[in-house]
């Protein structure tokens, strides 16, 4: 057993939130050696960003940008930190993070707990330059104008991240998902467009998997109309599949991990059908293997993100996914990730 596998096994014996915090501190204090160069076939491009591989870290692990140097050495093509809100907030009462081991899933109702924009900005100034770093923006629970919080985050962090993600799909902040309605979305995206960083850093939008096809189609068209650079599909789900076995299956919050696959795939397919190549897509939700990553890419994603699978597989999963993905691309005659995008539709 490798040291990273041993660490993963030990973390799983801890309370989930304690393990989460320990993992962040381990990445901060004990960075690994620089990873080996990626196979050139894994190179992808999104909204002007060239990534050495399409496997990114989803937001939620490093909420405060504390461990970026360590996370950058795990082999990701991009690392997204946050969600960060303008003001620091403690999040929801504990317990608020649940490990559904039998289902290889996680339920969280963290509630955007974070240190706020100022400490986040300070850490981003010292960010690594070897990997694309994204900043995931959220809104404070008690704010009356949630769109203003996203604008504040975008302005404060301008020049400090390679890309920004406007997260309007967390189920754990009251009223947040209402921003996915057309009128509220037009207002938000219009204000985001006016506040875009002058250096041209792309802005992505992260949506929920619980939307129906027509709603996703509307969001795609609104995103294109307002100049959003890519769509991240998707966040955690409020659905609870009947096959869940864990005693924690009834806990409130967003479900992620293996059971979310059908919801995330359905949302990605709906987005890809409407986007028709006009808007890059990033797939998230239940990605735990090279096979799954490859399927999402062929469904229309230019890159993927993962997080919950690391809870059960450990950081060695990143290398395994990349190795398998490269082999599948070559076996099917593709010379790059972009050649394989949307080839299953």
C-alpha atoms as a PDB file:
ATOM      1  CA  UNK A   1       0.000   0.000   0.000  1.00  0.00           C
ATOM      2  CA  UNK A   2       1.380   3.431  -0.972  1.00  0.00           C
ATOM      3  CA  UNK A   3       1.616   6.307   1.491  1.00  0.00           C
ATOM      4  CA  UNK A   4      -1.252   8.096  -0.245  1.00  0.00           C
ATOM      5  CA  UNK A   5      -3.430   4.975  -0.110  1.00  0.00           C
ATOM      6  CA  UNK A   6      -2.574   4.531   3.551  1.00  0.00           C
ATOM      7  CA  UNK A   7      -3.471   8.135   4.226  1.00  0.00           C
ATOM      8  CA  UNK A   8      -6.811   7.727   2.462  1.00  0.00           C
ATOM      9  CA  UNK A   9      -7.614   4.640   4.545  1.00  0.00           C
ATOM     10  CA  UNK A  10      -6.763   6.501   7.744  1.00  0.00           C
ATOM     11  CA  UNK A  11      -8.832   9.543   6.772  1.00  0.00           C
ATOM     12  CA  UNK A  12     -11.868   7.314   6.212  1.00  0.00           C
ATOM     13  CA  UNK A  13     -11.697   6.265   9.865  1.00  0.00           C
ATOM     14  CA  UNK A  14     -12.191   9.874  10.950  1.00  0.00           C
ATOM     15  CA  UNK A  15     -15.393  11.869  11.182  1.00  0.00           C
ATOM     16  CA  UNK A  16     -16.028  13.155   7.606  1.00  0.00           C
ATOM     17  CA  UNK A  17     -15.494  16.841   8.323  1.00  0.00           C
ATOM     18  CA  UNK A  18     -12.422  16.128  10.460  1.00  0.00           C
ATOM     19  CA  UNK A  19     -11.068  13.998   7.612  1.00  0.00           C
ATOM     20  CA  UNK A  20     -11.811  16.777   5.135  1.00  0.00           C
ATOM     21  CA  UNK A  21      -9.885  19.287   7.204  1.00  0.00           C
ATOM     22  CA  UNK A  22      -7.017  16.852   7.732  1.00  0.00           C
ATOM     23  CA  UNK A  23      -6.766  16.215   3.985  1.00  0.00           C
ATOM     24  CA  UNK A  24      -6.514  19.930   3.247  1.00  0.00           C
ATOM     25  CA  UNK A  25      -3.798  20.376   5.867  1.00  0.00           C
ATOM     26  CA  UNK A  26      -1.891  17.347   4.583  1.00  0.00           C
ATOM     27  CA  UNK A  27      -1.927  18.808   1.074  1.00  0.00           C
ATOM     28  CA  UNK A  28      -0.784  22.150   2.477  1.00  0.00           C
ATOM     29  CA  UNK A  29       2.028  20.852   4.667  1.00  0.00           C
ATOM     30  CA  UNK A  30       3.299  17.843   2.734  1.00  0.00           C
ATOM     31  CA  UNK A  31       3.310  18.626  -0.993  1.00  0.00           C
ATOM     32  CA  UNK A  32       4.290  15.750  -3.246  1.00  0.00           C
ATOM     33  CA  UNK A  33       7.061  15.903  -5.854  1.00  0.00           C
ATOM     34  CA  UNK A  34       6.235  17.518  -9.175  1.00  0.00           C
ATOM     35  CA  UNK A  35       4.121  15.020 -11.149  1.00  0.00           C
ATOM     36  CA  UNK A  36       5.340  13.476 -14.383  1.00  0.00           C
ATOM     37  CA  UNK A  37       4.467  15.247 -17.617  1.00  0.00           C
ATOM     38  CA  UNK A  38       1.123  14.253 -19.089  1.00  0.00           C
ATOM     39  CA  UNK A  39       0.730  12.335 -22.312  1.00  0.00           C
ATOM     40  CA  UNK A  40       0.250  14.958 -25.085  1.00  0.00           C
ATOM     41  CA  UNK A  41      -2.969  13.202 -26.161  1.00  0.00           C
ATOM     42  CA  UNK A  42      -4.574  14.481 -22.936  1.00  0.00           C
ATOM     43  CA  UNK A  43      -4.124  18.167 -23.762  1.00  0.00           C
ATOM     44  CA  UNK A  44      -7.382  20.112 -23.964  1.00  0.00           C
ATOM     45  CA  UNK A  45      -8.469  23.728 -24.361  1.00  0.00           C
ATOM     46  CA  UNK A  46     -11.353  25.589 -22.754  1.00  0.00           C
ATOM     47  CA  UNK A  47     -12.165  29.250 -23.279  1.00  0.00           C
ATOM     48  CA  UNK A  48      -8.583  30.157 -24.126  1.00  0.00           C
ATOM     49  CA  UNK A  49      -7.051  28.015 -21.374  1.00  0.00           C
ATOM     50  CA  UNK A  50      -4.736  25.203 -22.446  1.00  0.00           C
ATOM     51  CA  UNK A  51      -4.723  22.370 -19.916  1.00  0.00           C
ATOM     52  CA  UNK A  52      -2.165  19.522 -19.900  1.00  0.00           C
ATOM     53  CA  UNK A  53      -4.969  17.096 -19.074  1.00  0.00           C
ATOM     54  CA  UNK A  54      -8.754  17.336 -18.703  1.00  0.00           C
ATOM     55  CA  UNK A  55      -9.027  16.070 -15.104  1.00  0.00           C
ATOM     56  CA  UNK A  56      -9.759  18.935 -12.740  1.00  0.00           C
ATOM     57  CA  UNK A  57     -10.455  19.196  -9.023  1.00  0.00           C
ATOM     58  CA  UNK A  58     -13.996  20.382  -8.353  1.00  0.00           C
ATOM     59  CA  UNK A  59     -14.670  23.129  -5.842  1.00  0.00           C
ATOM     60  CA  UNK A  60     -15.427  22.190  -2.251  1.00  0.00           C
ATOM     61  CA  UNK A  61     -12.240  20.521  -1.098  1.00  0.00           C
ATOM     62  CA  UNK A  62     -10.076  23.609  -0.638  1.00  0.00           C
ATOM     63  CA  UNK A  63     -12.689  26.212   0.201  1.00  0.00           C
ATOM     64  CA  UNK A  64     -10.190  28.846   1.325  1.00  0.00           C
ATOM     65  CA  UNK A  65      -7.326  28.337  -1.142  1.00  0.00           C
ATOM     66  CA  UNK A  66      -5.060  27.061   1.632  1.00  0.00           C
ATOM     67  CA  UNK A  67      -3.471  24.051  -0.076  1.00  0.00           C
ATOM     68  CA  UNK A  68      -3.110  25.084  -3.694  1.00  0.00           C
ATOM     69  CA  UNK A  69       0.598  24.287  -3.939  1.00  0.00           C
ATOM     70  CA  UNK A  70       0.066  20.769  -2.654  1.00  0.00           C
ATOM     71  CA  UNK A  71      -3.044  20.131  -4.740  1.00  0.00           C
ATOM     72  CA  UNK A  72      -1.243  21.381  -7.852  1.00  0.00           C
ATOM     73  CA  UNK A  73       1.217  18.485  -7.464  1.00  0.00           C
ATOM     74  CA  UNK A  74      -1.402  15.741  -7.522  1.00  0.00           C
ATOM     75  CA  UNK A  75      -1.583  15.687 -11.310  1.00  0.00           C
ATOM     76  CA  UNK A  76      -4.739  17.703 -11.972  1.00  0.00           C
ATOM     77  CA  UNK A  77      -5.056  19.727 -15.148  1.00  0.00           C
ATOM     78  CA  UNK A  78      -6.809  22.460 -13.154  1.00  0.00           C
ATOM     79  CA  UNK A  79      -7.635  23.079  -9.496  1.00  0.00           C
ATOM     80  CA  UNK A  80     -10.774  24.956  -8.484  1.00  0.00           C
ATOM     81  CA  UNK A  81     -10.932  26.408  -4.979  1.00  0.00           C
ATOM     82  CA  UNK A  82     -13.880  27.855  -3.065  1.00  0.00           C
ATOM     83  CA  UNK A  83     -16.743  28.505  -2.894  1.00  0.00           C
ATOM     84  CA  UNK A  84     -15.817  31.872  -1.438  1.00  0.00           C
ATOM     85  CA  UNK A  85     -18.322  34.510  -0.338  1.00  0.00           C
ATOM     86  CA  UNK A  86     -17.657  38.240   0.222  1.00  0.00           C
ATOM     87  CA  UNK A  87     -18.003  37.951   3.989  1.00  0.00           C
ATOM     88  CA  UNK A  88     -16.714  35.092   6.113  1.00  0.00           C
ATOM     89  CA  UNK A  89     -19.449  32.785   7.350  1.00  0.00           C
ATOM     90  CA  UNK A  90     -19.497  29.640   9.509  1.00  0.00           C
ATOM     91  CA  UNK A  91     -21.884  27.646   7.326  1.00  0.00           C
ATOM     92  CA  UNK A  92     -24.611  25.381   8.592  1.00  0.00           C
ATOM     93  CA  UNK A  93     -24.620  23.658  12.007  1.00  0.00           C
ATOM     94  CA  UNK A  94     -22.671  20.419  12.387  1.00  0.00           C
ATOM     95  CA  UNK A  95     -22.928  17.591  11.538  1.00  0.00           C
ATOM     96  CA  UNK A  96     -23.186  18.697   7.918  1.00  0.00           C
ATOM     97  CA  UNK A  97     -21.022  16.226   5.992  1.00  0.00           C
ATOM     98  CA  UNK A  98     -21.889  12.529   5.675  1.00  0.00           C
ATOM     99  CA  UNK A  99     -19.969   9.670   4.095  1.00  0.00           C
ATOM    100  CA  UNK A 100     -22.301   7.072   2.519  1.00  0.00           C
ATOM    101  CA  UNK A 101     -19.699   4.317   2.287  1.00  0.00           C
ATOM    102  CA  UNK A 102     -21.989   1.569   1.017  1.00  0.00           C
ATOM    103  CA  UNK A 103     -23.093   3.837  -1.822  1.00  0.00           C
ATOM    104  CA  UNK A 104     -19.705   5.433  -2.539  1.00  0.00           C
ATOM    105  CA  UNK A 105     -21.403   8.770  -2.049  1.00  0.00           C
ATOM    106  CA  UNK A 106     -21.325  11.917   0.075  1.00  0.00           C
ATOM    107  CA  UNK A 107     -24.087  14.185   1.334  1.00  0.00           C
ATOM    108  CA  UNK A 108     -23.131  17.693   2.371  1.00  0.00           C
ATOM    109  CA  UNK A 109     -24.992  20.695   3.662  1.00  0.00           C
ATOM    110  CA  UNK A 110     -21.922  22.761   4.466  1.00  0.00           C
ATOM    111  CA  UNK A 111     -23.534  26.076   3.514  1.00  0.00           C
ATOM    112  CA  UNK A 112     -20.576  27.907   1.954  1.00  0.00           C
ATOM    113  CA  UNK A 113     -18.483  27.916   5.126  1.00  0.00           C
ATOM    114  CA  UNK A 114     -15.362  29.969   4.330  1.00  0.00           C
ATOM    115  CA  UNK A 115     -13.024  32.715   5.528  1.00  0.00           C
ATOM    116  CA  UNK A 116     -14.281  35.368   3.110  1.00  0.00           C
ATOM    117  CA  UNK A 117     -12.763  37.235   0.188  1.00  0.00           C
ATOM    118  CA  UNK A 118      -9.826  38.992   1.825  1.00  0.00           C
ATOM    119  CA  UNK A 119      -7.945  35.923   3.156  1.00  0.00           C
ATOM    120  CA  UNK A 120      -8.832  34.097  -0.065  1.00  0.00           C
ATOM    121  CA  UNK A 121      -7.367  36.883  -2.186  1.00  0.00           C
ATOM    122  CA  UNK A 122      -4.213  36.940  -0.083  1.00  0.00           C
ATOM    123  CA  UNK A 123      -3.656  33.216  -0.649  1.00  0.00           C
ATOM    124  CA  UNK A 124      -4.309  33.465  -4.377  1.00  0.00           C
ATOM    125  CA  UNK A 125      -1.504  36.003  -4.695  1.00  0.00           C
ATOM    126  CA  UNK A 126       0.886  33.183  -3.784  1.00  0.00           C
ATOM    127  CA  UNK A 127      -0.849  30.584  -5.970  1.00  0.00           C
ATOM    128  CA  UNK A 128       1.128  28.028  -7.990  1.00  0.00           C
ATOM    129  CA  UNK A 129       1.708  28.778 -11.672  1.00  0.00           C
ATOM    130  CA  UNK A 130       2.106  25.192 -12.865  1.00  0.00           C
ATOM    131  CA  UNK A 131      -1.634  24.429 -12.936  1.00  0.00           C
ATOM    132  CA  UNK A 132      -4.684  26.490 -13.901  1.00  0.00           C
ATOM    133  CA  UNK A 133      -6.352  27.779 -10.734  1.00  0.00           C
ATOM    134  CA  UNK A 134     -10.058  28.557 -10.672  1.00  0.00           C
ATOM    135  CA  UNK A 135     -11.967  30.571  -8.089  1.00  0.00           C
ATOM    136  CA  UNK A 136     -15.506  29.390  -7.351  1.00  0.00           C
ATOM    137  CA  UNK A 137     -17.719  32.306  -6.270  1.00  0.00           C
ATOM    138  CA  UNK A 138     -20.715  32.081  -3.943  1.00  0.00           C
ATOM    139  CA  UNK A 139     -23.170  34.412  -2.217  1.00  0.00           C
ATOM    140  CA  UNK A 140     -23.560  34.991   1.508  1.00  0.00           C
ATOM    141  CA  UNK A 141     -26.582  33.379   3.128  1.00  0.00           C
ATOM    142  CA  UNK A 142     -27.950  36.660   4.513  1.00  0.00           C
ATOM    143  CA  UNK A 143     -27.332  38.922   1.527  1.00  0.00           C
ATOM    144  CA  UNK A 144     -30.376  40.565  -0.037  1.00  0.00           C
ATOM    145  CA  UNK A 145     -28.750  41.029  -3.444  1.00  0.00           C
ATOM    146  CA  UNK A 146     -27.012  37.755  -4.272  1.00  0.00           C
ATOM    147  CA  UNK A 147     -25.951  38.941  -7.725  1.00  0.00           C
ATOM    148  CA  UNK A 148     -24.002  41.755  -6.055  1.00  0.00           C
ATOM    149  CA  UNK A 149     -22.004  39.180  -4.072  1.00  0.00           C
ATOM    150  CA  UNK A 150     -20.860  37.465  -7.266  1.00  0.00           C
ATOM    151  CA  UNK A 151     -19.867  40.805  -8.773  1.00  0.00           C
ATOM    152  CA  UNK A 152     -17.931  41.650  -5.600  1.00  0.00           C
ATOM    153  CA  UNK A 153     -16.053  38.361  -5.783  1.00  0.00           C
ATOM    154  CA  UNK A 154     -15.227  38.800  -9.441  1.00  0.00           C
ATOM    155  CA  UNK A 155     -13.912  42.335  -8.921  1.00  0.00           C
ATOM    156  CA  UNK A 156     -11.907  41.535  -5.795  1.00  0.00           C
ATOM    157  CA  UNK A 157     -10.200  38.488  -7.276  1.00  0.00           C
ATOM    158  CA  UNK A 158      -9.558  39.951 -10.740  1.00  0.00           C
ATOM    159  CA  UNK A 159      -6.058  39.045 -11.869  1.00  0.00           C
ATOM    160  CA  UNK A 160      -5.599  36.419  -9.148  1.00  0.00           C
ATOM    161  CA  UNK A 161      -7.177  33.339 -10.778  1.00  0.00           C
ATOM    162  CA  UNK A 162      -7.009  31.789 -14.230  1.00  0.00           C
ATOM    163  CA  UNK A 163     -10.782  31.439 -14.385  1.00  0.00           C
ATOM    164  CA  UNK A 164     -13.875  32.086 -12.294  1.00  0.00           C
ATOM    165  CA  UNK A 165     -16.934  29.942 -11.647  1.00  0.00           C
ATOM    166  CA  UNK A 166     -20.255  31.518 -10.733  1.00  0.00           C
ATOM    167  CA  UNK A 167     -21.868  28.900  -8.500  1.00  0.00           C
ATOM    168  CA  UNK A 168     -25.640  29.365  -8.499  1.00  0.00           C
ATOM    169  CA  UNK A 169     -26.458  25.704  -7.963  1.00  0.00           C
ATOM    170  CA  UNK A 170     -25.532  24.790  -4.400  1.00  0.00           C
ATOM    171  CA  UNK A 171     -28.656  23.465  -2.649  1.00  0.00           C
ATOM    172  CA  UNK A 172     -27.407  24.590   0.759  1.00  0.00           C
ATOM    173  CA  UNK A 173     -27.870  28.370   0.538  1.00  0.00           C
ATOM    174  CA  UNK A 174     -31.544  29.468   0.642  1.00  0.00           C
ATOM    175  CA  UNK A 175     -32.720  31.084  -2.580  1.00  0.00           C
ATOM    176  CA  UNK A 176     -29.508  30.432  -4.496  1.00  0.00           C
ATOM    177  CA  UNK A 177     -30.924  28.032  -7.076  1.00  0.00           C
ATOM    178  CA  UNK A 178     -33.656  30.589  -7.856  1.00  0.00           C
ATOM    179  CA  UNK A 179     -30.942  32.435  -9.779  1.00  0.00           C
ATOM    180  CA  UNK A 180     -31.280  29.721 -12.434  1.00  0.00           C
ATOM    181  CA  UNK A 181     -34.664  31.189 -13.495  1.00  0.00           C
ATOM    182  CA  UNK A 182     -34.548  33.304 -16.668  1.00  0.00           C
ATOM    183  CA  UNK A 183     -35.308  36.755 -15.238  1.00  0.00           C
ATOM    184  CA  UNK A 184     -32.909  36.399 -12.297  1.00  0.00           C
ATOM    185  CA  UNK A 185     -30.320  34.753 -14.536  1.00  0.00           C
ATOM    186  CA  UNK A 186     -30.409  37.560 -17.104  1.00  0.00           C
ATOM    187  CA  UNK A 187     -29.924  40.107 -14.328  1.00  0.00           C
ATOM    188  CA  UNK A 188     -27.037  38.148 -12.800  1.00  0.00           C
ATOM    189  CA  UNK A 189     -25.239  37.390 -16.050  1.00  0.00           C
ATOM    190  CA  UNK A 190     -25.676  40.933 -17.295  1.00  0.00           C
ATOM    191  CA  UNK A 191     -23.997  42.275 -14.159  1.00  0.00           C
ATOM    192  CA  UNK A 192     -21.305  39.613 -14.348  1.00  0.00           C
ATOM    193  CA  UNK A 193     -20.573  40.622 -17.944  1.00  0.00           C
ATOM    194  CA  UNK A 194     -20.078  44.246 -16.910  1.00  0.00           C
ATOM    195  CA  UNK A 195     -17.696  43.199 -14.108  1.00  0.00           C
ATOM    196  CA  UNK A 196     -15.580  40.773 -16.158  1.00  0.00           C
ATOM    197  CA  UNK A 197     -11.833  40.968 -15.427  1.00  0.00           C
ATOM    198  CA  UNK A 198      -9.966  43.242 -17.814  1.00  0.00           C
ATOM    199  CA  UNK A 199      -7.286  40.571 -18.328  1.00  0.00           C
ATOM    200  CA  UNK A 200      -9.807  38.362 -20.094  1.00  0.00           C
ATOM    201  CA  UNK A 201      -9.936  35.542 -17.519  1.00  0.00           C
ATOM    202  CA  UNK A 202     -12.878  33.339 -18.509  1.00  0.00           C
ATOM    203  CA  UNK A 203     -16.031  33.087 -16.437  1.00  0.00           C
ATOM    204  CA  UNK A 204     -17.885  29.775 -16.109  1.00  0.00           C
ATOM    205  CA  UNK A 205     -21.380  29.048 -14.773  1.00  0.00           C
ATOM    206  CA  UNK A 206     -22.122  26.004 -12.593  1.00  0.00           C
ATOM    207  CA  UNK A 207     -25.635  24.573 -12.736  1.00  0.00           C
ATOM    208  CA  UNK A 208     -27.675  21.936 -10.890  1.00  0.00           C
ATOM    209  CA  UNK A 209     -28.375  18.429 -12.234  1.00  0.00           C
ATOM    210  CA  UNK A 210     -32.004  18.590 -11.099  1.00  0.00           C
ATOM    211  CA  UNK A 211     -33.139  20.899 -13.895  1.00  0.00           C
ATOM    212  CA  UNK A 212     -35.324  19.613 -16.720  1.00  0.00           C
ATOM    213  CA  UNK A 213     -34.154  19.769 -20.327  1.00  0.00           C
ATOM    214  CA  UNK A 214     -36.016  22.987 -21.152  1.00  0.00           C
ATOM    215  CA  UNK A 215     -34.476  24.760 -18.157  1.00  0.00           C
ATOM    216  CA  UNK A 216     -30.983  23.648 -19.133  1.00  0.00           C
ATOM    217  CA  UNK A 217     -31.607  24.765 -22.693  1.00  0.00           C
ATOM    218  CA  UNK A 218     -32.654  28.198 -21.443  1.00  0.00           C
ATOM    219  CA  UNK A 219     -29.506  28.470 -19.311  1.00  0.00           C
ATOM    220  CA  UNK A 220     -27.309  27.501 -22.266  1.00  0.00           C
ATOM    221  CA  UNK A 221     -28.892  30.186 -24.460  1.00  0.00           C
ATOM    222  CA  UNK A 222     -28.697  32.814 -21.707  1.00  0.00           C
ATOM    223  CA  UNK A 223     -25.053  31.932 -21.074  1.00  0.00           C
ATOM    224  CA  UNK A 224     -24.192  32.351 -24.734  1.00  0.00           C
ATOM    225  CA  UNK A 225     -26.125  35.617 -24.949  1.00  0.00           C
ATOM    226  CA  UNK A 226     -24.267  37.076 -21.965  1.00  0.00           C
ATOM    227  CA  UNK A 227     -20.796  35.877 -22.950  1.00  0.00           C
ATOM    228  CA  UNK A 228     -20.306  33.129 -20.359  1.00  0.00           C
ATOM    229  CA  UNK A 229     -17.259  31.123 -21.434  1.00  0.00           C
ATOM    230  CA  UNK A 230     -18.218  27.595 -20.310  1.00  0.00           C
ATOM    231  CA  UNK A 231     -20.864  25.685 -18.405  1.00  0.00           C
ATOM    232  CA  UNK A 232     -20.013  23.310 -15.537  1.00  0.00           C
ATOM    233  CA  UNK A 233     -22.524  20.445 -15.494  1.00  0.00           C
ATOM    234  CA  UNK A 234     -23.286  19.832 -12.692  1.00  0.00           C
ATOM    235  CA  UNK A 235     -23.451  20.362  -8.924  1.00  0.00           C
ATOM    236  CA  UNK A 236     -24.813  18.006  -6.254  1.00  0.00           C
ATOM    237  CA  UNK A 237     -28.375  16.704  -6.442  1.00  0.00           C
ATOM    238  CA  UNK A 238     -31.312  16.860  -4.073  1.00  0.00           C
ATOM    239  CA  UNK A 239     -32.580  13.575  -5.501  1.00  0.00           C
ATOM    240  CA  UNK A 240     -32.320  10.381  -3.439  1.00  0.00           C
ATOM    241  CA  UNK A 241     -32.232   7.260  -5.632  1.00  0.00           C
ATOM    242  CA  UNK A 242     -34.232   4.368  -4.206  1.00  0.00           C
ATOM    243  CA  UNK A 243     -31.205   2.048  -4.224  1.00  0.00           C
ATOM    244  CA  UNK A 244     -29.244   4.009  -1.589  1.00  0.00           C
ATOM    245  CA  UNK A 245     -28.284   1.763   1.323  1.00  0.00           C
ATOM    246  CA  UNK A 246     -26.505   3.972   3.848  1.00  0.00           C
ATOM    247  CA  UNK A 247     -28.123   4.948   7.120  1.00  0.00           C
ATOM    248  CA  UNK A 248     -27.317   8.561   6.159  1.00  0.00           C
ATOM    249  CA  UNK A 249     -29.343   8.495   2.928  1.00  0.00           C
ATOM    250  CA  UNK A 250     -32.115  10.613   4.450  1.00  0.00           C
ATOM    251  CA  UNK A 251     -29.842  13.464   5.523  1.00  0.00           C
ATOM    252  CA  UNK A 252     -30.634  16.853   4.003  1.00  0.00           C
ATOM    253  CA  UNK A 253     -28.152  18.363   1.586  1.00  0.00           C
ATOM    254  CA  UNK A 254     -26.590  17.723  -1.789  1.00  0.00           C
ATOM    255  CA  UNK A 255     -25.770  14.172  -2.832  1.00  0.00           C
ATOM    256  CA  UNK A 256     -22.570  13.529  -4.792  1.00  0.00           C
ATOM    257  CA  UNK A 257     -20.515  10.515  -5.821  1.00  0.00           C
ATOM    258  CA  UNK A 258     -21.484   7.363  -7.688  1.00  0.00           C
ATOM    259  CA  UNK A 259     -25.323   7.649  -7.371  1.00  0.00           C
ATOM    260  CA  UNK A 260     -25.368  11.027  -9.106  1.00  0.00           C
ATOM    261  CA  UNK A 261     -24.072   9.622 -12.414  1.00  0.00           C
ATOM    262  CA  UNK A 262     -27.428   9.301 -14.213  1.00  0.00           C
ATOM    263  CA  UNK A 263     -28.507  12.805 -13.181  1.00  0.00           C
ATOM    264  CA  UNK A 264     -25.210  14.376 -14.224  1.00  0.00           C
ATOM    265  CA  UNK A 265     -25.159  12.483 -17.517  1.00  0.00           C
ATOM    266  CA  UNK A 266     -28.727  13.540 -18.305  1.00  0.00           C
ATOM    267  CA  UNK A 267     -27.919  17.194 -17.595  1.00  0.00           C
ATOM    268  CA  UNK A 268     -24.757  17.038 -19.706  1.00  0.00           C
ATOM    269  CA  UNK A 269     -26.614  15.469 -22.615  1.00  0.00           C
ATOM    270  CA  UNK A 270     -29.294  18.173 -22.458  1.00  0.00           C
ATOM    271  CA  UNK A 271     -26.674  20.934 -22.390  1.00  0.00           C
ATOM    272  CA  UNK A 272     -24.679  19.416 -25.243  1.00  0.00           C
ATOM    273  CA  UNK A 273     -27.746  19.038 -27.456  1.00  0.00           C
ATOM    274  CA  UNK A 274     -28.592  22.724 -27.127  1.00  0.00           C
ATOM    275  CA  UNK A 275     -25.041  24.111 -27.087  1.00  0.00           C
ATOM    276  CA  UNK A 276     -24.039  22.326 -30.316  1.00  0.00           C
ATOM    277  CA  UNK A 277     -20.429  23.331 -29.792  1.00  0.00           C
ATOM    278  CA  UNK A 278     -21.192  27.001 -29.134  1.00  0.00           C
ATOM    279  CA  UNK A 279     -20.441  26.765 -25.407  1.00  0.00           C
ATOM    280  CA  UNK A 280     -17.725  24.541 -23.891  1.00  0.00           C
ATOM    281  CA  UNK A 281     -18.922  22.108 -21.243  1.00  0.00           C
ATOM    282  CA  UNK A 282     -17.158  20.722 -18.173  1.00  0.00           C
ATOM    283  CA  UNK A 283     -18.627  17.524 -16.738  1.00  0.00           C
ATOM    284  CA  UNK A 284     -18.885  16.857 -12.997  1.00  0.00           C
ATOM    285  CA  UNK A 285     -20.752  14.298 -10.921  1.00  0.00           C
ATOM    286  CA  UNK A 286     -19.863  10.679 -10.264  1.00  0.00           C
ATOM    287  CA  UNK A 287     -16.665  10.670 -12.329  1.00  0.00           C
ATOM    288  CA  UNK A 288     -14.547   7.929 -10.794  1.00  0.00           C
ATOM    289  CA  UNK A 289     -12.713   6.198 -13.658  1.00  0.00           C
ATOM    290  CA  UNK A 290     -11.119   6.715 -17.038  1.00  0.00           C
ATOM    291  CA  UNK A 291     -14.121   4.983 -18.573  1.00  0.00           C
ATOM    292  CA  UNK A 292     -16.545   7.477 -17.022  1.00  0.00           C
ATOM    293  CA  UNK A 293     -14.363  10.472 -17.906  1.00  0.00           C
ATOM    294  CA  UNK A 294     -14.123   9.239 -21.487  1.00  0.00           C
ATOM    295  CA  UNK A 295     -17.887   8.766 -21.718  1.00  0.00           C
ATOM    296  CA  UNK A 296     -18.532  12.338 -20.555  1.00  0.00           C
ATOM    297  CA  UNK A 297     -16.003  13.714 -23.023  1.00  0.00           C
ATOM    298  CA  UNK A 298     -17.599  11.826 -25.889  1.00  0.00           C
ATOM    299  CA  UNK A 299     -20.981  13.109 -24.706  1.00  0.00           C
ATOM    300  CA  UNK A 300     -19.794  16.694 -25.119  1.00  0.00           C
ATOM    301  CA  UNK A 301     -17.443  17.742 -22.305  1.00  0.00           C
ATOM    302  CA  UNK A 302     -14.050  19.284 -23.034  1.00  0.00           C
ATOM    303  CA  UNK A 303     -12.911  18.531 -19.477  1.00  0.00           C
ATOM    304  CA  UNK A 304     -14.129  16.843 -16.303  1.00  0.00           C
ATOM    305  CA  UNK A 305     -13.935  17.536 -12.582  1.00  0.00           C
ATOM    306  CA  UNK A 306     -14.053  15.226  -9.596  1.00  0.00           C
ATOM    307  CA  UNK A 307     -14.006  15.394  -5.823  1.00  0.00           C
ATOM    308  CA  UNK A 308     -16.169  12.801  -4.030  1.00  0.00           C
ATOM    309  CA  UNK A 309     -14.411   9.859  -5.707  1.00  0.00           C
ATOM    310  CA  UNK A 310     -11.177  10.959  -4.011  1.00  0.00           C
ATOM    311  CA  UNK A 311     -12.809  10.235  -0.641  1.00  0.00           C
ATOM    312  CA  UNK A 312     -12.976   6.548  -1.522  1.00  0.00           C
ATOM    313  CA  UNK A 313     -10.125   6.120  -4.025  1.00  0.00           C
ATOM    314  CA  UNK A 314      -7.505   8.580  -2.793  1.00  0.00           C
ATOM    315  CA  UNK A 315      -5.314  10.856  -4.943  1.00  0.00           C
ATOM    316  CA  UNK A 316      -3.869   7.930  -6.896  1.00  0.00           C
ATOM    317  CA  UNK A 317      -7.172   7.936  -8.784  1.00  0.00           C
ATOM    318  CA  UNK A 318      -6.043  10.976 -10.783  1.00  0.00           C
ATOM    319  CA  UNK A 319      -3.119   9.132 -12.367  1.00  0.00           C
ATOM    320  CA  UNK A 320      -5.252   6.055 -13.007  1.00  0.00           C
ATOM    321  CA  UNK A 321      -7.921   8.074 -14.792  1.00  0.00           C
ATOM    322  CA  UNK A 322      -5.361   9.845 -16.960  1.00  0.00           C
ATOM    323  CA  UNK A 323      -3.593   6.617 -17.891  1.00  0.00           C
ATOM    324  CA  UNK A 324      -6.826   4.877 -18.823  1.00  0.00           C
ATOM    325  CA  UNK A 325      -8.160   7.913 -20.651  1.00  0.00           C
ATOM    326  CA  UNK A 326      -5.004   8.200 -22.772  1.00  0.00           C
ATOM    327  CA  UNK A 327      -5.215   4.516 -23.666  1.00  0.00           C
ATOM    328  CA  UNK A 328      -8.867   4.797 -24.692  1.00  0.00           C
ATOM    329  CA  UNK A 329      -8.244   7.863 -26.831  1.00  0.00           C
ATOM    330  CA  UNK A 330      -5.387   6.171 -28.690  1.00  0.00           C
ATOM    331  CA  UNK A 331      -7.270   2.918 -29.106  1.00  0.00           C
ATOM    332  CA  UNK A 332     -10.095   4.803 -30.829  1.00  0.00           C
ATOM    333  CA  UNK A 333      -7.733   6.769 -33.049  1.00  0.00           C
ATOM    334  CA  UNK A 334      -8.101  10.186 -31.413  1.00  0.00           C
ATOM    335  CA  UNK A 335      -5.058  12.462 -31.264  1.00  0.00           C
ATOM    336  CA  UNK A 336      -6.390  14.802 -28.575  1.00  0.00           C
ATOM    337  CA  UNK A 337      -9.224  15.253 -26.096  1.00  0.00           C
ATOM    338  CA  UNK A 338     -10.913  17.784 -28.361  1.00  0.00           C
ATOM    339  CA  UNK A 339     -11.064  15.258 -31.185  1.00  0.00           C
ATOM    340  CA  UNK A 340     -13.196  13.021 -28.990  1.00  0.00           C
ATOM    341  CA  UNK A 341     -15.654  15.659 -27.755  1.00  0.00           C
ATOM    342  CA  UNK A 342     -19.277  14.998 -28.765  1.00  0.00           C
ATOM    343  CA  UNK A 343     -18.487  11.859 -30.752  1.00  0.00           C
ATOM    344  CA  UNK A 344     -21.194   9.801 -29.009  1.00  0.00           C
ATOM    345  CA  UNK A 345     -24.110  12.024 -29.940  1.00  0.00           C
END
